[in-house]
């Protein structure tokens, strides 16, 4: 079984110590990595993407942040996201 592994994406991180323009770029980059992981999984024939650690920066995330990250997997044809504790 092949899988792609990453960790601690911390999607939704505010980057409060940065200028707003820089914080936006950094937030977008965190979202973009989700799509990259999905594309790598498809390209390399991986059965799963394993993300260890914190996927999101906070336990309570906005629906917009959740939907944005989930939508990044769709172009890569990742069928399901399953959380394992």
Protein backbone atom coordinates (compact mmCIF):
# COMPACT_ATOMS: atom_id res chain seq x y z
CA UNK A 1 0.00 0.00 0.00
CA UNK A 2 1.29 3.44 -0.94
CA UNK A 3 0.39 6.58 0.93
CA UNK A 4 1.39 10.23 1.02
CA UNK A 5 2.35 11.54 4.47
CA UNK A 6 2.39 15.06 5.83
CA UNK A 7 1.85 16.66 9.22
CA UNK A 8 0.76 19.77 11.06
CA UNK A 9 -0.90 21.71 8.24
CA UNK A 10 -2.60 24.07 10.72
CA UNK A 11 -5.07 25.33 8.14
CA UNK A 12 -6.79 28.50 9.30
CA UNK A 13 -3.79 29.88 11.17
CA UNK A 14 -4.22 33.63 11.55
CA UNK A 15 -0.55 34.74 11.25
CA UNK A 16 -1.43 37.74 13.42
CA UNK A 17 2.14 39.02 13.69
CA UNK A 18 2.42 39.52 9.92
CA UNK A 19 1.12 42.34 7.74
CA UNK A 20 -2.37 41.45 6.43
CA UNK A 21 -1.16 40.99 2.85
CA UNK A 22 1.56 38.58 3.98
CA UNK A 23 -0.84 36.72 6.28
CA UNK A 24 -3.21 36.19 3.33
CA UNK A 25 -0.40 34.76 1.19
CA UNK A 26 0.61 32.39 4.01
CA UNK A 27 -3.00 31.29 4.60
CA UNK A 28 -3.49 30.63 0.89
CA UNK A 29 -0.28 28.57 0.81
CA UNK A 30 -1.58 26.38 3.65
CA UNK A 31 -4.76 25.77 1.67
CA UNK A 32 -2.84 25.06 -1.54
CA UNK A 33 -0.81 22.29 0.07
CA UNK A 34 -4.02 20.27 0.51
CA UNK A 35 -4.51 20.21 -3.25
CA UNK A 36 -0.84 19.36 -3.78
CA UNK A 37 -1.10 16.39 -1.42
CA UNK A 38 -4.14 15.11 -3.31
CA UNK A 39 -2.43 15.54 -6.67
CA UNK A 40 0.66 13.72 -5.43
CA UNK A 41 -1.50 10.85 -4.19
CA UNK A 42 -3.15 10.45 -7.59
CA UNK A 43 0.11 10.88 -9.53
CA UNK A 44 1.93 8.29 -7.43
CA UNK A 45 -0.92 5.78 -7.12
CA UNK A 46 -1.27 6.26 -3.38
CA UNK A 47 -4.27 4.72 -1.67
CA UNK A 48 -4.40 7.34 1.06
CA UNK A 49 -3.12 10.65 2.32
CA UNK A 50 -2.02 10.42 5.94
CA UNK A 51 -1.88 13.69 7.82
CA UNK A 52 -0.49 13.41 11.33
CA UNK A 53 -0.78 16.19 13.87
CA UNK A 54 -2.89 19.30 13.55
CA UNK A 55 -4.77 19.60 10.27
CA UNK A 56 -6.51 22.77 11.44
CA UNK A 57 -5.05 25.50 13.64
CA UNK A 58 -8.01 25.52 16.07
CA UNK A 59 -10.50 22.98 17.33
CA UNK A 60 -13.36 25.25 16.27
CA UNK A 61 -13.00 26.17 12.60
CA UNK A 62 -15.31 28.12 10.37
CA UNK A 63 -17.44 26.32 7.80
CA UNK A 64 -15.72 28.44 5.14
CA UNK A 65 -12.25 27.18 6.17
CA UNK A 66 -13.46 23.58 6.29
CA UNK A 67 -15.23 23.81 2.93
CA UNK A 68 -12.25 25.49 1.28
CA UNK A 69 -9.86 22.73 2.38
CA UNK A 70 -12.28 19.94 1.40
CA UNK A 71 -12.79 21.50 -2.03
CA UNK A 72 -9.04 21.34 -2.65
CA UNK A 73 -9.18 17.54 -2.57
CA UNK A 74 -11.95 17.30 -5.17
CA UNK A 75 -9.86 18.08 -8.27
CA UNK A 76 -7.48 15.32 -7.25
CA UNK A 77 -10.39 12.85 -7.02
CA UNK A 78 -9.84 12.05 -3.37
CA UNK A 79 -13.08 10.29 -2.57
CA UNK A 80 -13.22 10.43 1.21
CA UNK A 81 -11.67 12.10 4.16
CA UNK A 82 -11.64 10.05 7.34
CA UNK A 83 -10.46 11.24 10.70
CA UNK A 84 -8.63 8.74 12.86
CA UNK A 85 -7.92 9.47 16.52
